[in-house]
Amino acid sequence: MVSSPLEGAKELAREKSSVHSDRSIENALRGVGVKWLRSVYTYRVGEMAKTLREAFATPEPGLKVIIAEAECQLERQRRIRPILAQLLKSGGRVVRTRFGVDEDTCTGDHSCIRLSGCPSLTIKPSSDPLKVDPVAHVNNACVGCGLCGEVAHAAILCPSFFRAEIVQNPGTWDRFIAGVRRAVIGRLQPA
């Protein structure tokens, strides 16, 4: 005698169950009476700041909830690192996004570090002997989420952030485009 239901019966019960079909955080919060509820993508700093201001200024009484929706970048790295390693091992094309700080443009006020709180955004001594202050630096722990640059540009702090796409195992088209870029940039640079 089997006490557990058959798989088909479990699936049928799961399809008819309101518990399994309606499990969103939003619905749960509305169910307990939250009237003011917003969902915002975590890594859009400007949008998040606007939503926070709206929450503080709204005349709506009661609890106000902002749901920050985005995958933790460290967890994302843990998830995709084995996939990328396998792709590289098999010779597949892999594109990684990497952020950095242009040392010549960085003023050294470190507002980007104070605002973002990113652990890969640090400081380093300037290679320019005329600059006394250390400059911002993105170390190799960067996961490419873009929050550091988003904060810098959203707060109109610093134009020194750049985004680079690193192509591993480039194809013929990638090599051609890189050659054209190299030729154009070489022509534009002073002799």
C-alpha atoms as a PDB file:
ATOM      1  CA  MET A   1       0.000   0.000   0.000  1.00  0.00           C
ATOM      2  CA  VAL A   2       1.370   3.411  -0.995  1.00  0.00           C
ATOM      3  CA  SER A   3       0.564   6.446   1.131  1.00  0.00           C
ATOM      4  CA  SER A   4       1.925   9.052  -1.299  1.00  0.00           C
ATOM      5  CA  PRO A   5      -0.276  10.152  -4.200  1.00  0.00           C
ATOM      6  CA  LEU A   6       0.746   9.357  -7.762  1.00  0.00           C
ATOM      7  CA  GLU A   7       2.736  11.996  -9.706  1.00  0.00           C
ATOM      8  CA  GLY A   8      -0.213  12.721 -12.007  1.00  0.00           C
ATOM      9  CA  ALA A   9      -2.469  13.405  -9.026  1.00  0.00           C
ATOM     10  CA  LYS A  10       0.171  15.703  -7.505  1.00  0.00           C
ATOM     11  CA  GLU A  11       0.423  17.709 -10.743  1.00  0.00           C
ATOM     12  CA  LEU A  12      -3.365  18.015 -11.011  1.00  0.00           C
ATOM     13  CA  ALA A  13      -3.591  19.225  -7.409  1.00  0.00           C
ATOM     14  CA  ARG A  14      -0.729  21.665  -7.962  1.00  0.00           C
ATOM     15  CA  GLU A  15      -2.443  23.150 -11.042  1.00  0.00           C
ATOM     16  CA  LYS A  16      -5.707  23.692  -9.120  1.00  0.00           C
ATOM     17  CA  SER A  17      -4.029  25.062  -5.992  1.00  0.00           C
ATOM     18  CA  SER A  18      -4.162  28.817  -5.471  1.00  0.00           C
ATOM     19  CA  VAL A  19      -1.091  28.511  -3.247  1.00  0.00           C
ATOM     20  CA  HIS A  20       1.115  27.302  -6.102  1.00  0.00           C
ATOM     21  CA  SER A  21      -0.266  29.659  -8.748  1.00  0.00           C
ATOM     22  CA  ASP A  22      -0.251  32.931  -6.799  1.00  0.00           C
ATOM     23  CA  ARG A  23       2.975  33.216  -4.817  1.00  0.00           C
ATOM     24  CA  SER A  24       4.208  36.681  -5.753  1.00  0.00           C
ATOM     25  CA  ILE A  25       5.463  39.048  -3.082  1.00  0.00           C
ATOM     26  CA  GLU A  26       3.246  41.795  -4.472  1.00  0.00           C
ATOM     27  CA  ASN A  27       0.082  39.726  -4.042  1.00  0.00           C
ATOM     28  CA  ALA A  28       1.079  38.693  -0.530  1.00  0.00           C
ATOM     29  CA  LEU A  29       1.662  42.320   0.477  1.00  0.00           C
ATOM     30  CA  ARG A  30      -1.614  43.468  -1.073  1.00  0.00           C
ATOM     31  CA  GLY A  31      -3.296  40.616   0.773  1.00  0.00           C
ATOM     32  CA  VAL A  32      -2.145  41.996   4.133  1.00  0.00           C
ATOM     33  CA  GLY A  33      -3.365  45.482   3.268  1.00  0.00           C
ATOM     34  CA  VAL A  34      -0.408  47.352   1.722  1.00  0.00           C
ATOM     35  CA  LYS A  35      -1.822  50.034  -0.581  1.00  0.00           C
ATOM     36  CA  TRP A  36       1.371  51.835  -1.746  1.00  0.00           C
ATOM     37  CA  LEU A  37       3.607  49.298  -3.489  1.00  0.00           C
ATOM     38  CA  ARG A  38       6.264  49.804  -6.183  1.00  0.00           C
ATOM     39  CA  SER A  39       8.697  47.432  -7.888  1.00  0.00           C
ATOM     40  CA  VAL A  40      11.992  48.904  -9.096  1.00  0.00           C
ATOM     41  CA  TYR A  41      14.984  47.346 -10.829  1.00  0.00           C
ATOM     42  CA  THR A  42      17.756  47.503  -8.225  1.00  0.00           C
ATOM     43  CA  TYR A  43      20.560  48.657 -10.508  1.00  0.00           C
ATOM     44  CA  ARG A  44      18.743  51.731 -11.888  1.00  0.00           C
ATOM     45  CA  VAL A  45      19.869  54.203  -9.274  1.00  0.00           C
ATOM     46  CA  GLY A  46      18.026  57.223 -10.671  1.00  0.00           C
ATOM     47  CA  GLU A  47      14.730  55.343 -10.805  1.00  0.00           C
ATOM     48  CA  MET A  48      15.280  53.983  -7.293  1.00  0.00           C
ATOM     49  CA  ALA A  49      15.982  57.476  -5.913  1.00  0.00           C
ATOM     50  CA  LYS A  50      12.863  58.842  -7.617  1.00  0.00           C
ATOM     51  CA  THR A  51      10.766  56.038  -6.098  1.00  0.00           C
ATOM     52  CA  LEU A  52      12.199  56.690  -2.620  1.00  0.00           C
ATOM     53  CA  ARG A  53      11.351  60.397  -2.905  1.00  0.00           C
ATOM     54  CA  GLU A  54       7.837  59.468  -4.027  1.00  0.00           C
ATOM     55  CA  ALA A  55       7.443  57.120  -1.030  1.00  0.00           C
ATOM     56  CA  PHE A  56       8.444  59.854   1.428  1.00  0.00           C
ATOM     57  CA  ALA A  57       6.257  62.508  -0.209  1.00  0.00           C
ATOM     58  CA  THR A  58       3.050  60.562  -0.864  1.00  0.00           C
ATOM     59  CA  PRO A  59       0.018  61.422   1.256  1.00  0.00           C
ATOM     60  CA  GLU A  60      -1.056  57.751   1.215  1.00  0.00           C
ATOM     61  CA  PRO A  61      -1.367  56.583   4.842  1.00  0.00           C
ATOM     62  CA  GLY A  62       0.047  53.285   6.004  1.00  0.00           C
ATOM     63  CA  LEU A  63       2.969  51.136   5.068  1.00  0.00           C
ATOM     64  CA  LYS A  64       4.849  51.934   1.854  1.00  0.00           C
ATOM     65  CA  VAL A  65       6.817  49.108   0.251  1.00  0.00           C
ATOM     66  CA  ILE A  66       9.462  49.232  -2.467  1.00  0.00           C
ATOM     67  CA  ILE A  67      10.452  45.873  -3.906  1.00  0.00           C
ATOM     68  CA  ALA A  68      13.985  46.006  -5.317  1.00  0.00           C
ATOM     69  CA  GLU A  69      14.085  43.432  -8.079  1.00  0.00           C
ATOM     70  CA  ALA A  70      17.411  42.162  -9.413  1.00  0.00           C
ATOM     71  CA  GLU A  71      19.635  39.188  -9.002  1.00  0.00           C
ATOM     72  CA  CYS A  72      22.558  39.538  -6.616  1.00  0.00           C
ATOM     73  CA  GLN A  73      25.608  39.988  -8.830  1.00  0.00           C
ATOM     74  CA  LEU A  74      27.751  37.689  -6.708  1.00  0.00           C
ATOM     75  CA  GLU A  75      25.125  34.950  -6.953  1.00  0.00           C
ATOM     76  CA  ARG A  76      24.911  35.569 -10.707  1.00  0.00           C
ATOM     77  CA  GLN A  77      28.670  35.092 -10.990  1.00  0.00           C
ATOM     78  CA  ARG A  78      28.459  31.817  -9.091  1.00  0.00           C
ATOM     79  CA  ARG A  79      25.751  30.683 -11.492  1.00  0.00           C
ATOM     80  CA  ILE A  80      27.361  31.705 -14.800  1.00  0.00           C
ATOM     81  CA  ARG A  81      31.065  31.112 -14.048  1.00  0.00           C
ATOM     82  CA  PRO A  82      30.878  27.334 -14.731  1.00  0.00           C
ATOM     83  CA  ILE A  83      28.844  27.956 -17.894  1.00  0.00           C
ATOM     84  CA  LEU A  84      31.403  30.463 -19.219  1.00  0.00           C
ATOM     85  CA  ALA A  85      34.306  28.186 -18.282  1.00  0.00           C
ATOM     86  CA  GLN A  86      32.721  25.335 -20.232  1.00  0.00           C
ATOM     87  CA  LEU A  87      32.067  27.633 -23.193  1.00  0.00           C
ATOM     88  CA  LEU A  88      35.686  28.848 -23.181  1.00  0.00           C
ATOM     89  CA  LYS A  89      36.973  25.292 -22.885  1.00  0.00           C
ATOM     90  CA  SER A  90      34.976  24.282 -25.944  1.00  0.00           C
ATOM     91  CA  GLY A  91      36.294  27.284 -27.915  1.00  0.00           C
ATOM     92  CA  GLY A  92      33.083  29.293 -27.848  1.00  0.00           C
ATOM     93  CA  ARG A  93      32.938  33.075 -28.046  1.00  0.00           C
ATOM     94  CA  VAL A  94      32.522  34.731 -24.633  1.00  0.00           C
ATOM     95  CA  VAL A  95      31.889  38.442 -24.055  1.00  0.00           C
ATOM     96  CA  ARG A  96      32.459  39.883 -20.577  1.00  0.00           C
ATOM     97  CA  THR A  97      31.524  43.410 -19.545  1.00  0.00           C
ATOM     98  CA  ARG A  98      34.144  45.198 -17.506  1.00  0.00           C
ATOM     99  CA  PHE A  99      34.066  48.668 -15.984  1.00  0.00           C
ATOM    100  CA  GLY A 100      36.966  50.902 -15.173  1.00  0.00           C
ATOM    101  CA  VAL A 101      38.035  54.413 -14.264  1.00  0.00           C
ATOM    102  CA  ASP A 102      40.064  56.629 -16.578  1.00  0.00           C
ATOM    103  CA  GLU A 103      42.871  57.763 -14.308  1.00  0.00           C
ATOM    104  CA  ASP A 104      43.502  60.928 -16.342  1.00  0.00           C
ATOM    105  CA  THR A 105      39.884  62.078 -15.950  1.00  0.00           C
ATOM    106  CA  CYS A 106      39.371  61.043 -12.296  1.00  0.00           C
ATOM    107  CA  THR A 107      39.454  64.075  -9.994  1.00  0.00           C
ATOM    108  CA  GLY A 108      40.070  62.042  -6.849  1.00  0.00           C
ATOM    109  CA  ASP A 109      37.020  63.245  -4.889  1.00  0.00           C
ATOM    110  CA  HIS A 110      35.888  59.610  -4.350  1.00  0.00           C
ATOM    111  CA  SER A 111      32.170  60.450  -4.423  1.00  0.00           C
ATOM    112  CA  CYS A 112      31.608  57.392  -6.584  1.00  0.00           C
ATOM    113  CA  ILE A 113      33.012  55.161  -3.836  1.00  0.00           C
ATOM    114  CA  ARG A 114      30.915  56.802  -1.119  1.00  0.00           C
ATOM    115  CA  LEU A 115      27.697  56.525  -3.130  1.00  0.00           C
ATOM    116  CA  SER A 116      27.957  53.044  -4.605  1.00  0.00           C
ATOM    117  CA  GLY A 117      29.524  51.013  -1.826  1.00  0.00           C
ATOM    118  CA  CYS A 118      30.824  48.535  -4.411  1.00  0.00           C
ATOM    119  CA  PRO A 119      33.590  46.354  -2.950  1.00  0.00           C
ATOM    120  CA  SER A 120      35.506  46.328  -6.253  1.00  0.00           C
ATOM    121  CA  LEU A 121      35.629  50.135  -6.420  1.00  0.00           C
ATOM    122  CA  THR A 122      38.749  51.172  -4.515  1.00  0.00           C
ATOM    123  CA  ILE A 123      41.466  53.796  -4.617  1.00  0.00           C
ATOM    124  CA  LYS A 124      45.044  53.612  -5.816  1.00  0.00           C
ATOM    125  CA  PRO A 125      47.889  56.112  -5.985  1.00  0.00           C
ATOM    126  CA  SER A 126      47.845  58.233  -9.123  1.00  0.00           C
ATOM    127  CA  SER A 127      50.556  57.503 -11.671  1.00  0.00           C
ATOM    128  CA  ASP A 128      50.649  61.248 -12.436  1.00  0.00           C
ATOM    129  CA  PRO A 129      53.241  62.815 -10.105  1.00  0.00           C
ATOM    130  CA  LEU A 130      51.337  66.132 -10.202  1.00  0.00           C
ATOM    131  CA  LYS A 131      48.160  64.589  -8.731  1.00  0.00           C
ATOM    132  CA  VAL A 132      48.404  64.419  -4.951  1.00  0.00           C
ATOM    133  CA  ASP A 133      45.100  62.652  -4.295  1.00  0.00           C
ATOM    134  CA  PRO A 134      44.693  58.946  -5.045  1.00  0.00           C
ATOM    135  CA  VAL A 135      42.320  58.051  -7.871  1.00  0.00           C
ATOM    136  CA  ALA A 136      39.381  55.658  -8.029  1.00  0.00           C
ATOM    137  CA  HIS A 137      40.131  52.202  -9.377  1.00  0.00           C
ATOM    138  CA  VAL A 138      37.989  49.194 -10.308  1.00  0.00           C
ATOM    139  CA  ASN A 139      39.833  46.034  -9.264  1.00  0.00           C
ATOM    140  CA  ASN A 140      39.560  42.540 -10.745  1.00  0.00           C
ATOM    141  CA  ALA A 141      36.677  41.589  -8.447  1.00  0.00           C
ATOM    142  CA  CYS A 142      34.348  43.621 -10.702  1.00  0.00           C
ATOM    143  CA  VAL A 143      31.360  41.526 -11.817  1.00  0.00           C
ATOM    144  CA  GLY A 144      30.202  44.004 -14.452  1.00  0.00           C
ATOM    145  CA  CYS A 145      26.910  45.086 -12.879  1.00  0.00           C
ATOM    146  CA  GLY A 146      27.500  48.739 -13.844  1.00  0.00           C
ATOM    147  CA  LEU A 147      26.342  50.216 -10.554  1.00  0.00           C
ATOM    148  CA  CYS A 148      29.531  52.246 -10.080  1.00  0.00           C
ATOM    149  CA  GLY A 149      29.111  53.972 -13.434  1.00  0.00           C
ATOM    150  CA  GLU A 150      25.361  54.305 -12.911  1.00  0.00           C
ATOM    151  CA  VAL A 151      25.895  56.105  -9.615  1.00  0.00           C
ATOM    152  CA  ALA A 152      28.585  58.353 -11.071  1.00  0.00           C
ATOM    153  CA  HIS A 153      26.455  59.384 -14.033  1.00  0.00           C
ATOM    154  CA  ALA A 154      23.151  59.555 -12.138  1.00  0.00           C
ATOM    155  CA  ALA A 155      24.664  61.896  -9.592  1.00  0.00           C
ATOM    156  CA  ILE A 156      26.544  63.786 -12.320  1.00  0.00           C
ATOM    157  CA  LEU A 157      29.730  63.197 -10.409  1.00  0.00           C
ATOM    158  CA  CYS A 158      32.295  61.946 -12.786  1.00  0.00           C
ATOM    159  CA  PRO A 159      32.751  61.233 -16.486  1.00  0.00           C
ATOM    160  CA  SER A 160      35.765  59.017 -15.791  1.00  0.00           C
ATOM    161  CA  PHE A 161      33.928  55.679 -15.825  1.00  0.00           C
ATOM    162  CA  PHE A 162      34.213  53.539 -18.921  1.00  0.00           C
ATOM    163  CA  ARG A 163      32.701  50.276 -20.016  1.00  0.00           C
ATOM    164  CA  ALA A 164      34.687  47.734 -21.972  1.00  0.00           C
ATOM    165  CA  GLU A 165      33.578  44.484 -23.511  1.00  0.00           C
ATOM    166  CA  ILE A 166      36.238  41.799 -23.413  1.00  0.00           C
ATOM    167  CA  VAL A 167      35.838  39.209 -26.166  1.00  0.00           C
ATOM    168  CA  GLN A 168      37.471  35.847 -25.589  1.00  0.00           C
ATOM    169  CA  ASN A 169      37.802  33.389 -28.483  1.00  0.00           C
ATOM    170  CA  PRO A 170      36.923  36.106 -31.030  1.00  0.00           C
ATOM    171  CA  GLY A 171      35.569  35.149 -34.417  1.00  0.00           C
ATOM    172  CA  THR A 172      36.575  36.488 -37.831  1.00  0.00           C
ATOM    173  CA  TRP A 173      34.111  39.391 -37.605  1.00  0.00           C
ATOM    174  CA  ASP A 174      35.416  40.390 -34.157  1.00  0.00           C
ATOM    175  CA  ARG A 175      39.006  40.434 -35.466  1.00  0.00           C
ATOM    176  CA  PHE A 176      37.990  42.502 -38.497  1.00  0.00           C
ATOM    177  CA  ILE A 177      36.159  45.111 -36.382  1.00  0.00           C
ATOM    178  CA  ALA A 178      39.104  45.271 -33.940  1.00  0.00           C
ATOM    179  CA  GLY A 179      41.482  45.892 -36.863  1.00  0.00           C
ATOM    180  CA  VAL A 180      39.291  48.679 -38.243  1.00  0.00           C
ATOM    181  CA  ARG A 181      39.042  50.298 -34.812  1.00  0.00           C
ATOM    182  CA  ARG A 182      42.802  50.058 -34.309  1.00  0.00           C
ATOM    183  CA  ALA A 183      43.422  51.679 -37.716  1.00  0.00           C
ATOM    184  CA  VAL A 184      40.965  54.535 -37.101  1.00  0.00           C
ATOM    185  CA  ILE A 185      42.240  55.250 -33.596  1.00  0.00           C
ATOM    186  CA  GLY A 186      45.840  55.080 -34.858  1.00  0.00           C
ATOM    187  CA  ARG A 187      45.039  57.700 -37.514  1.00  0.00           C
ATOM    188  CA  LEU A 188      43.380  59.995 -34.979  1.00  0.00           C
ATOM    189  CA  GLN A 189      46.211  59.890 -32.457  1.00  0.00           C
ATOM    190  CA  PRO A 190      48.920  62.509 -32.759  1.00  0.00           C
ATOM    191  CA  ALA A 191      52.288  61.331 -33.994  1.00  0.00           C
END
